[in-house]
PDB file of N, CA and C in Angstrom:
ATOM      1  N   ALA A   1     132.423 195.628  31.752  1.00  0.00           N
ATOM      2  CA  ALA A   1     131.199 196.010  32.443  1.00  0.00           C
ATOM      3  C   ALA A   1     130.078 195.071  32.024  1.00  0.00           C
ATOM      4  N   SER A   2     129.274 194.668  32.978  1.00  0.00           N
ATOM      5  CA  SER A   2     128.159 193.781  32.656  1.00  0.00           C
ATOM      6  C   SER A   2     126.853 194.573  32.679  1.00  0.00           C
ATOM      7  N   LEU A   3     125.863 194.027  31.979  1.00  0.00           N
ATOM      8  CA  LEU A   3     124.566 194.682  31.875  1.00  0.00           C
ATOM      9  C   LEU A   3     123.634 194.172  32.968  1.00  0.00           C
ATOM     10  N   SER A   4     122.727 195.034  33.406  1.00  0.00           N
ATOM     11  CA  SER A   4     121.684 194.595  34.335  1.00  0.00           C
ATOM     12  C   SER A   4     120.699 193.725  33.565  1.00  0.00           C
ATOM     13  N   GLY A   5     119.804 193.053  34.277  1.00  0.00           N
ATOM     14  CA  GLY A   5     118.801 192.214  33.620  1.00  0.00           C
ATOM     15  C   GLY A   5     117.941 193.008  32.648  1.00  0.00           C
ATOM     16  N   GLY A   6     117.490 194.194  33.079  1.00  0.00           N
ATOM     17  CA  GLY A   6     116.669 195.040  32.214  1.00  0.00           C
ATOM     18  C   GLY A   6     117.432 195.519  30.990  1.00  0.00           C
ATOM     19  N   GLN A   7     118.700 195.894  31.180  1.00  0.00           N
ATOM     20  CA  GLN A   7     119.518 196.329  30.047  1.00  0.00           C
ATOM     21  C   GLN A   7     119.733 195.184  29.063  1.00  0.00           C
ATOM     22  N   ALA A   8     120.003 193.995  29.578  1.00  0.00           N
ATOM     23  CA  ALA A   8     120.217 192.834  28.705  1.00  0.00           C
ATOM     24  C   ALA A   8     118.956 192.529  27.898  1.00  0.00           C
ATOM     25  N   ARG A   9     117.781 192.648  28.513  1.00  0.00           N
ATOM     26  CA  ARG A   9     116.523 192.418  27.786  1.00  0.00           C
ATOM     27  C   ARG A   9     116.339 193.452  26.680  1.00  0.00           C
ATOM     28  N   ARG A  10     116.636 194.704  26.986  1.00  0.00           N
ATOM     29  CA  ARG A  10     116.500 195.755  25.961  1.00  0.00           C
ATOM     30  C   ARG A  10     117.439 195.497  24.798  1.00  0.00           C
ATOM     31  N   VAL A  11     118.661 195.077  25.077  1.00  0.00           N
ATOM     32  CA  VAL A  11     119.613 194.767  24.007  1.00  0.00           C
ATOM     33  C   VAL A  11     119.105 193.600  23.168  1.00  0.00           C
ATOM     34  N   SER A  12     118.585 192.567  23.815  1.00  0.00           N
ATOM     35  CA  SER A  12     118.038 191.414  23.075  1.00  0.00           C
ATOM     36  C   SER A  12     116.879 191.823  22.184  1.00  0.00           C
ATOM     37  N   LEU A  13     115.972 192.633  22.719  1.00  0.00           N
ATOM     38  CA  LEU A  13     114.831 193.083  21.919  1.00  0.00           C
ATOM     39  C   LEU A  13     115.282 193.970  20.764  1.00  0.00           C
ATOM     40  N   ALA A  14     116.240 194.853  21.011  1.00  0.00           N
ATOM     41  CA  ALA A  14     116.754 195.711  19.939  1.00  0.00           C
ATOM     42  C   ALA A  14     117.400 194.867  18.843  1.00  0.00           C
ATOM     43  N   ARG A  15     118.143 193.851  19.225  1.00  0.00           N
ATOM     44  CA  ARG A  15     118.767 192.958  18.246  1.00  0.00           C
ATOM     45  C   ARG A  15     117.697 192.240  17.419  1.00  0.00           C
ATOM     46  N   MET A  16     116.643 191.772  18.083  1.00  0.00           N
ATOM     47  CA  MET A  16     115.558 191.090  17.386  1.00  0.00           C
ATOM     48  C   MET A  16     114.896 192.034  16.379  1.00  0.00           C
ATOM     49  N   LEU A  17     114.631 193.265  16.795  1.00  0.00           N
ATOM     50  CA  LEU A  17     113.999 194.229  15.895  1.00  0.00           C
ATOM     51  C   LEU A  17     114.915 194.566  14.723  1.00  0.00           C
ATOM     52  N   TYR A  18     116.196 194.692  14.975  1.00  0.00           N
ATOM     53  CA  TYR A  18     117.159 195.038  13.929  1.00  0.00           C
ATOM     54  C   TYR A  18     117.320 193.914  12.909  1.00  0.00           C
ATOM     55  N   GLU A  19     117.367 192.667  13.380  1.00  0.00           N
ATOM     56  CA  GLU A  19     117.609 191.539  12.479  1.00  0.00           C
ATOM     57  C   GLU A  19     116.420 191.224  11.590  1.00  0.00           C
ATOM     58  N   ASP A  20     115.241 191.710  11.925  1.00  0.00           N
ATOM     59  CA  ASP A  20     114.074 191.609  11.050  1.00  0.00           C
ATOM     60  C   ASP A  20     113.723 190.167  10.694  1.00  0.00           C
ATOM     61  N   ALA A  21     113.753 189.275  11.675  1.00  0.00           N
ATOM     62  CA  ALA A  21     113.409 187.868  11.444  1.00  0.00           C
ATOM     63  C   ALA A  21     111.917 187.725  11.149  1.00  0.00           C
ATOM     64  N   GLY A  22     111.550 186.698  10.416  1.00  0.00           N
ATOM     65  CA  GLY A  22     110.156 186.456  10.061  1.00  0.00           C
ATOM     66  C   GLY A  22     109.330 185.892  11.194  1.00  0.00           C
ATOM     67  N   ILE A  23     109.983 185.249  12.162  1.00  0.00           N
ATOM     68  CA  ILE A  23     109.272 184.699  13.324  1.00  0.00           C
ATOM     69  C   ILE A  23     110.024 185.113  14.585  1.00  0.00           C
ATOM     70  N   TRP A  24     109.279 185.465  15.592  1.00  0.00           N
ATOM     71  CA  TRP A  24     109.866 185.893  16.855  1.00  0.00           C
ATOM     72  C   TRP A  24     109.506 184.903  17.949  1.00  0.00           C
ATOM     73  N   LEU A  25     110.491 184.517  18.741  1.00  0.00           N
ATOM     74  CA  LEU A  25     110.291 183.681  19.924  1.00  0.00           C
ATOM     75  C   LEU A  25     110.670 184.535  21.130  1.00  0.00           C
ATOM     76  N   LEU A  26     109.690 184.888  21.934  1.00  0.00           N
ATOM     77  CA  LEU A  26     109.905 185.811  23.046  1.00  0.00           C
ATOM     78  C   LEU A  26     109.574 185.129  24.368  1.00  0.00           C
ATOM     79  N   ASP A  27     110.535 185.083  25.269  1.00  0.00           N
ATOM     80  CA  ASP A  27     110.345 184.465  26.581  1.00  0.00           C
ATOM     81  C   ASP A  27     110.420 185.548  27.652  1.00  0.00           C
ATOM     82  N   GLU A  28     109.259 185.955  28.161  1.00  0.00           N
ATOM     83  CA  GLU A  28     109.166 187.008  29.174  1.00  0.00           C
ATOM     84  C   GLU A  28     109.992 188.241  28.767  1.00  0.00           C
ATOM     85  N   PRO A  29     109.744 188.800  27.579  1.00  0.00           N
ATOM     86  CA  PRO A  29     110.602 189.863  27.071  1.00  0.00           C
ATOM     87  C   PRO A  29     110.534 191.176  27.837  1.00  0.00           C
ATOM     88  N   PHE A  30     109.482 191.397  28.619  1.00  0.00           N
ATOM     89  CA  PHE A  30     109.334 192.679  29.298  1.00  0.00           C
ATOM     90  C   PHE A  30     109.575 192.585  30.800  1.00  0.00           C
ATOM     91  N   ALA A  31     109.888 191.396  31.290  1.00  0.00           N
ATOM     92  CA  ALA A  31     110.177 191.214  32.716  1.00  0.00           C
ATOM     93  C   ALA A  31     111.435 191.996  33.077  1.00  0.00           C
ATOM     94  N   GLY A  32     111.417 192.624  34.222  1.00  0.00           N
ATOM     95  CA  GLY A  32     112.599 193.342  34.686  1.00  0.00           C
ATOM     96  C   GLY A  32     112.731 194.750  34.141  1.00  0.00           C
ATOM     97  N   LEU A  33     111.783 195.177  33.305  1.00  0.00           N
ATOM     98  CA  LEU A  33     111.827 196.540  32.784  1.00  0.00           C
ATOM     99  C   LEU A  33     110.965 197.435  33.664  1.00  0.00           C
ATOM    100  N   ASP A  34     111.411 198.679  33.872  1.00  0.00           N
ATOM    101  CA  ASP A  34     110.587 199.603  34.643  1.00  0.00           C
ATOM    102  C   ASP A  34     109.332 199.943  33.838  1.00  0.00           C
ATOM    103  N   VAL A  35     108.337 200.507  34.488  1.00  0.00           N
ATOM    104  CA  VAL A  35     107.025 200.735  33.873  1.00  0.00           C
ATOM    105  C   VAL A  35     107.130 201.570  32.599  1.00  0.00           C
ATOM    106  N   LYS A  36     107.877 202.660  32.633  1.00  0.00           N
ATOM    107  CA  LYS A  36     108.002 203.546  31.469  1.00  0.00           C
ATOM    108  C   LYS A  36     108.676 202.821  30.306  1.00  0.00           C
ATOM    109  N   THR A  37     109.786 202.157  30.580  1.00  0.00           N
ATOM    110  CA  THR A  37     110.515 201.443  29.528  1.00  0.00           C
ATOM    111  C   THR A  37     109.680 200.293  28.987  1.00  0.00           C
ATOM    112  N   ARG A  38     108.993 199.587  29.868  1.00  0.00           N
ATOM    113  CA  ARG A  38     108.138 198.470  29.454  1.00  0.00           C
ATOM    114  C   ARG A  38     107.092 198.948  28.448  1.00  0.00           C
ATOM    115  N   LYS A  39     106.441 200.076  28.749  1.00  0.00           N
ATOM    116  CA  LYS A  39     105.415 200.628  27.860  1.00  0.00           C
ATOM    117  C   LYS A  39     106.021 201.010  26.509  1.00  0.00           C
ATOM    118  N   GLU A  40     107.166 201.683  26.527  1.00  0.00           N
ATOM    119  CA  GLU A  40     107.821 202.113  25.286  1.00  0.00           C
ATOM    120  C   GLU A  40     108.239 200.916  24.437  1.00  0.00           C
ATOM    121  N   VAL A  41     108.849 199.928  25.065  1.00  0.00           N
ATOM    122  CA  VAL A  41     109.324 198.754  24.329  1.00  0.00           C
ATOM    123  C   VAL A  41     108.141 197.943  23.804  1.00  0.00           C
ATOM    124  N   LEU A  42     107.104 197.791  24.608  1.00  0.00           N
ATOM    125  CA  LEU A  42     105.909 197.069  24.179  1.00  0.00           C
ATOM    126  C   LEU A  42     105.287 197.733  22.955  1.00  0.00           C
ATOM    127  N   GLU A  43     105.194 199.058  22.958  1.00  0.00           N
ATOM    128  CA  GLU A  43     104.650 199.782  21.806  1.00  0.00           C
ATOM    129  C   GLU A  43     105.508 199.557  20.563  1.00  0.00           C
ATOM    130  N   GLU A  44     106.822 199.569  20.713  1.00  0.00           N
ATOM    131  CA  GLU A  44     107.718 199.341  19.575  1.00  0.00           C
ATOM    132  C   GLU A  44     107.555 197.928  19.031  1.00  0.00           C
ATOM    133  N   VAL A  45     107.450 196.958  19.913  1.00  0.00           N
ATOM    134  CA  VAL A  45     107.250 195.574  19.475  1.00  0.00           C
ATOM    135  C   VAL A  45     105.910 195.440  18.752  1.00  0.00           C
ATOM    136  N   LEU A  46     104.859 196.083  19.274  1.00  0.00           N
ATOM    137  CA  LEU A  46     103.547 196.034  18.617  1.00  0.00           C
ATOM    138  C   LEU A  46     103.613 196.560  17.192  1.00  0.00           C
ATOM    139  N   VAL A  47     104.260 197.689  16.999  1.00  0.00           N
ATOM    140  CA  VAL A  47     104.379 198.284  15.663  1.00  0.00           C
ATOM    141  C   VAL A  47     105.197 197.375  14.753  1.00  0.00           C
ATOM    142  N   SER A  48     106.285 196.857  15.256  1.00  0.00           N
ATOM    143  CA  SER A  48     107.197 196.047  14.440  1.00  0.00           C
ATOM    144  C   SER A  48     106.685 194.636  14.186  1.00  0.00           C
ATOM    145  N   ALA A  49     105.713 194.180  14.964  1.00  0.00           N
ATOM    146  CA  ALA A  49     105.224 192.803  14.848  1.00  0.00           C
ATOM    147  C   ALA A  49     104.252 192.597  13.691  1.00  0.00           C
ATOM    148  N   ALA A  50     103.804 193.656  13.072  1.00  0.00           N
ATOM    149  CA  ALA A  50     102.817 193.536  11.990  1.00  0.00           C
ATOM    150  C   ALA A  50     103.326 192.587  10.905  1.00  0.00           C
ATOM    151  N   GLY A  51     102.503 191.599  10.569  1.00  0.00           N
ATOM    152  CA  GLY A  51     102.847 190.660   9.507  1.00  0.00           C
ATOM    153  C   GLY A  51     103.812 189.560   9.908  1.00  0.00           C
ATOM    154  N   ARG A  52     104.091 189.426  11.191  1.00  0.00           N
ATOM    155  CA  ARG A  52     105.033 188.408  11.660  1.00  0.00           C
ATOM    156  C   ARG A  52     104.323 187.359  12.499  1.00  0.00           C
ATOM    157  N   SER A  53     104.960 186.218  12.588  1.00  0.00           N
ATOM    158  CA  SER A  53     104.524 185.187  13.521  1.00  0.00           C
ATOM    159  C   SER A  53     105.326 185.362  14.800  1.00  0.00           C
ATOM    160  N   MET A  54     104.656 185.165  15.927  1.00  0.00           N
ATOM    161  CA  MET A  54     105.316 185.374  17.203  1.00  0.00           C
ATOM    162  C   MET A  54     104.842 184.317  18.196  1.00  0.00           C
ATOM    163  N   MET A  55     105.776 183.769  18.955  1.00  0.00           N
ATOM    164  CA  MET A  55     105.433 182.924  20.094  1.00  0.00           C
ATOM    165  C   MET A  55     105.938 183.659  21.326  1.00  0.00           C
ATOM    166  N   LEU A  56     105.018 183.974  22.212  1.00  0.00           N
ATOM    167  CA  LEU A  56     105.322 184.770  23.394  1.00  0.00           C
ATOM    168  C   LEU A  56     105.040 183.954  24.645  1.00  0.00           C
ATOM    169  N   VAL A  57     106.013 183.890  25.534  1.00  0.00           N
ATOM    170  CA  VAL A  57     105.815 183.292  26.852  1.00  0.00           C
ATOM    171  C   VAL A  57     105.685 184.453  27.826  1.00  0.00           C
ATOM    172  N   THR A  58     104.565 184.500  28.546  1.00  0.00           N
ATOM    173  CA  THR A  58     104.350 185.567  29.517  1.00  0.00           C
ATOM    174  C   THR A  58     103.427 185.080  30.619  1.00  0.00           C
ATOM    175  N   HIS A  59     103.534 185.716  31.769  1.00  0.00           N
ATOM    176  CA  HIS A  59     102.615 185.457  32.869  1.00  0.00           C
ATOM    177  C   HIS A  59     101.629 186.612  33.003  1.00  0.00           C
ATOM    178  N   ASP A  60     101.656 187.534  32.066  1.00  0.00           N
ATOM    179  CA  ASP A  60     100.804 188.722  32.098  1.00  0.00           C
ATOM    180  C   ASP A  60      99.741 188.623  31.007  1.00  0.00           C
ATOM    181  N   PRO A  61      98.472 188.381  31.380  1.00  0.00           N
ATOM    182  CA  PRO A  61      97.427 188.236  30.367  1.00  0.00           C
ATOM    183  C   PRO A  61      97.231 189.488  29.520  1.00  0.00           C
ATOM    184  N   ARG A  62      97.535 190.665  30.074  1.00  0.00           N
ATOM    185  CA  ARG A  62      97.407 191.900  29.275  1.00  0.00           C
ATOM    186  C   ARG A  62      98.411 191.903  28.132  1.00  0.00           C
ATOM    187  N   GLU A  63      99.642 191.490  28.410  1.00  0.00           N
ATOM    188  CA  GLU A  63     100.641 191.391  27.340  1.00  0.00           C
ATOM    189  C   GLU A  63     100.190 190.397  26.285  1.00  0.00           C
ATOM    190  N   ALA A  64      99.682 189.268  26.736  1.00  0.00           N
ATOM    191  CA  ALA A  64      99.235 188.236  25.796  1.00  0.00           C
ATOM    192  C   ALA A  64      98.158 188.783  24.873  1.00  0.00           C
ATOM    193  N   ARG A  65      97.170 189.484  25.431  1.00  0.00           N
ATOM    194  CA  ARG A  65      96.085 190.029  24.609  1.00  0.00           C
ATOM    195  C   ARG A  65      96.587 191.113  23.665  1.00  0.00           C
ATOM    196  N   MET A  66      97.510 191.943  24.131  1.00  0.00           N
ATOM    197  CA  MET A  66      98.005 193.040  23.297  1.00  0.00           C
ATOM    198  C   MET A  66      98.848 192.536  22.139  1.00  0.00           C
ATOM    199  N   LEU A  67      99.590 191.467  22.369  1.00  0.00           N
ATOM    200  CA  LEU A  67     100.568 191.041  21.377  1.00  0.00           C
ATOM    201  C   LEU A  67     100.111 189.926  20.455  1.00  0.00           C
ATOM    202  N   GLY A  68      98.994 189.302  20.733  1.00  0.00           N
ATOM    203  CA  GLY A  68      98.671 188.255  19.782  1.00  0.00           C
ATOM    204  C   GLY A  68      97.405 187.478  20.020  1.00  0.00           C
ATOM    205  N   GLN A  69      97.004 186.834  18.995  1.00  0.00           N
ATOM    206  CA  GLN A  69      95.884 185.903  18.983  1.00  0.00           C
ATOM    207  C   GLN A  69      96.284 184.784  18.038  1.00  0.00           C
ATOM    208  N   PRO A  70      95.950 183.565  18.272  1.00  0.00           N
ATOM    209  CA  PRO A  70      95.214 183.035  19.412  1.00  0.00           C
ATOM    210  C   PRO A  70      96.098 182.939  20.646  1.00  0.00           C
ATOM    211  N   ILE A  71      95.454 182.715  21.767  1.00  0.00           N
ATOM    212  CA  ILE A  71      96.148 182.587  23.040  1.00  0.00           C
ATOM    213  C   ILE A  71      95.975 181.164  23.555  1.00  0.00           C
ATOM    214  N   MET A  72      97.094 180.579  23.981  1.00  0.00           N
ATOM    215  CA  MET A  72      97.073 179.252  24.595  1.00  0.00           C
ATOM    216  C   MET A  72      97.665 179.377  25.990  1.00  0.00           C
ATOM    217  N   VAL A  73      97.037 178.749  26.957  1.00  0.00           N
ATOM    218  CA  VAL A  73      97.567 178.709  28.320  1.00  0.00           C
ATOM    219  C   VAL A  73      98.066 177.292  28.554  1.00  0.00           C
ATOM    220  N   ILE A  74      99.372 177.185  28.836  1.00  0.00           N
ATOM    221  CA  ILE A  74     100.010 175.888  29.025  1.00  0.00           C
ATOM    222  C   ILE A  74     100.594 175.853  30.431  1.00  0.00           C
ATOM    223  N   GLY A  75     100.376 174.764  31.131  1.00  0.00           N
ATOM    224  CA  GLY A  75     100.929 174.608  32.468  1.00  0.00           C
ATOM    225  C   GLY A  75     101.168 173.148  32.769  1.00  0.00           C
ATOM    226  N   GLN A  76     102.259 172.873  33.429  1.00  0.00           N
ATOM    227  CA  GLN A  76     102.640 171.513  33.800  1.00  0.00           C
ATOM    228  C   GLN A  76     102.609 170.577  32.593  1.00  0.00           C
ATOM    229  N   GLY A  77     103.059 171.099  31.454  1.00  0.00           N
ATOM    230  CA  GLY A  77     103.172 170.281  30.248  1.00  0.00           C
ATOM    231  C   GLY A  77     101.865 169.998  29.540  1.00  0.00           C
ATOM    232  N   ARG A  78     100.782 170.674  29.941  1.00  0.00           N
ATOM    233  CA  ARG A  78      99.476 170.423  29.326  1.00  0.00           C
ATOM    234  C   ARG A  78      98.849 171.723  28.843  1.00  0.00           C
ATOM    235  N   LEU A  79      98.081 171.617  27.767  1.00  0.00           N
ATOM    236  CA  LEU A  79      97.310 172.746  27.267  1.00  0.00           C
ATOM    237  C   LEU A  79      96.043 172.858  28.111  1.00  0.00           C
ATOM    238  N   HIS A  80      95.906 173.978  28.816  1.00  0.00           N
ATOM    239  CA  HIS A  80      94.751 174.176  29.687  1.00  0.00           C
ATOM    240  C   HIS A  80      93.667 175.013  29.032  1.00  0.00           C
ATOM    241  N   TYR A  81      94.047 175.858  28.104  1.00  0.00           N
ATOM    242  CA  TYR A  81      93.078 176.766  27.515  1.00  0.00           C
ATOM    243  C   TYR A  81      93.580 177.208  26.149  1.00  0.00           C
ATOM    244  N   PHE A  82      92.670 177.296  25.211  1.00  0.00           N
ATOM    245  CA  PHE A  82      92.994 177.804  23.884  1.00  0.00           C
ATOM    246  C   PHE A  82      91.824 178.650  23.427  1.00  0.00           C
ATOM    247  N   ALA A  83      92.091 179.863  23.007  1.00  0.00           N
ATOM    248  CA  ALA A  83      91.013 180.713  22.510  1.00  0.00           C
ATOM    249  C   ALA A  83      91.563 181.744  21.541  1.00  0.00           C
ATOM    250  N   PRO A  84      90.865 181.937  20.438  1.00  0.00           N
ATOM    251  CA  PRO A  84      91.291 182.976  19.513  1.00  0.00           C
ATOM    252  C   PRO A  84      90.990 184.375  20.037  1.00  0.00           C
ATOM    253  N   ASP A  85      90.058 184.511  20.975  1.00  0.00           N
ATOM    254  CA  ASP A  85      89.672 185.836  21.455  1.00  0.00           C
ATOM    255  C   ASP A  85      89.176 185.738  22.895  1.00  0.00           C
ATOM    256  N   ALA A  86      90.080 185.482  23.819  1.00  0.00           N
ATOM    257  CA  ALA A  86      89.708 185.231  25.212  1.00  0.00           C
ATOM    258  C   ALA A  86      89.561 186.532  25.996  1.00  0.00           C
ATOM    259  N   PRO A  87      88.468 186.673  26.769  1.00  0.00           N
ATOM    260  CA  PRO A  87      88.337 187.831  27.658  1.00  0.00           C
ATOM    261  C   PRO A  87      89.383 187.774  28.773  1.00  0.00           C
ATOM    262  N   ASP A  88      89.782 188.935  29.287  1.00  0.00           N
ATOM    263  CA  ASP A  88      90.821 189.000  30.320  1.00  0.00           C
ATOM    264  C   ASP A  88      90.495 188.143  31.537  1.00  0.00           C
ATOM    265  N   GLY A  89      89.248 188.168  32.004  1.00  0.00           N
ATOM    266  CA  GLY A  89      88.871 187.385  33.183  1.00  0.00           C
ATOM    267  C   GLY A  89      89.094 185.903  32.982  1.00  0.00           C
ATOM    268  N   VAL A  90      88.763 185.411  31.803  1.00  0.00           N
ATOM    269  CA  VAL A  90      88.956 183.995  31.487  1.00  0.00           C
ATOM    270  C   VAL A  90      90.443 183.677  31.456  1.00  0.00           C
ATOM    271  N   LEU A  91      91.236 184.568  30.879  1.00  0.00           N
ATOM    272  CA  LEU A  91      92.689 184.354  30.837  1.00  0.00           C
ATOM    273  C   LEU A  91      93.276 184.332  32.241  1.00  0.00           C
ATOM    274  N   LEU A  92      92.888 185.279  33.076  1.00  0.00           N
ATOM    275  CA  LEU A  92      93.412 185.311  34.446  1.00  0.00           C
ATOM    276  C   LEU A  92      93.081 184.022  35.184  1.00  0.00           C
ATOM    277  N   GLU A  93      91.855 183.553  35.024  1.00  0.00           N
ATOM    278  CA  GLU A  93      91.457 182.307  35.682  1.00  0.00           C
ATOM    279  C   GLU A  93      92.263 181.123  35.152  1.00  0.00           C
ATOM    280  N   ALA A  94      92.444 181.058  33.839  1.00  0.00           N
ATOM    281  CA  ALA A  94      93.183 179.949  33.229  1.00  0.00           C
ATOM    282  C   ALA A  94      94.659 179.985  33.595  1.00  0.00           C
ATOM    283  N   MET A  95      95.208 181.189  33.821  1.00  0.00           N
ATOM    284  CA  MET A  95      96.632 181.325  34.113  1.00  0.00           C
ATOM    285  C   MET A  95      96.942 181.132  35.591  1.00  0.00           C
ATOM    286  N   SER A  96      95.928 181.045  36.436  1.00  0.00           N
ATOM    287  CA  SER A  96      96.205 180.901  37.874  1.00  0.00           C
ATOM    288  C   SER A  96      96.185 179.451  38.295  1.00  0.00           C
TER     289      SER A  96
END
């Protein structure tokens, strides 16, 4: 039996949380999750991320703000924006 995209993401995130690595590399970790599961998993990652370094790739500025600072917006191989504390409107503009 194969896993759906959302199930595979949940398994990957659970493995990451279990292995307790010092640095996390996350590439669109919440994509494909339903709203309820996304909220639950995001909350678990927030709690577990304390004291860790994390690199997160996301197209959702809310996720970026919730999960870390500083925030860098990269597109077409170039750094377009860097801010330790960017307002949501600025992030949305930089990400579009």
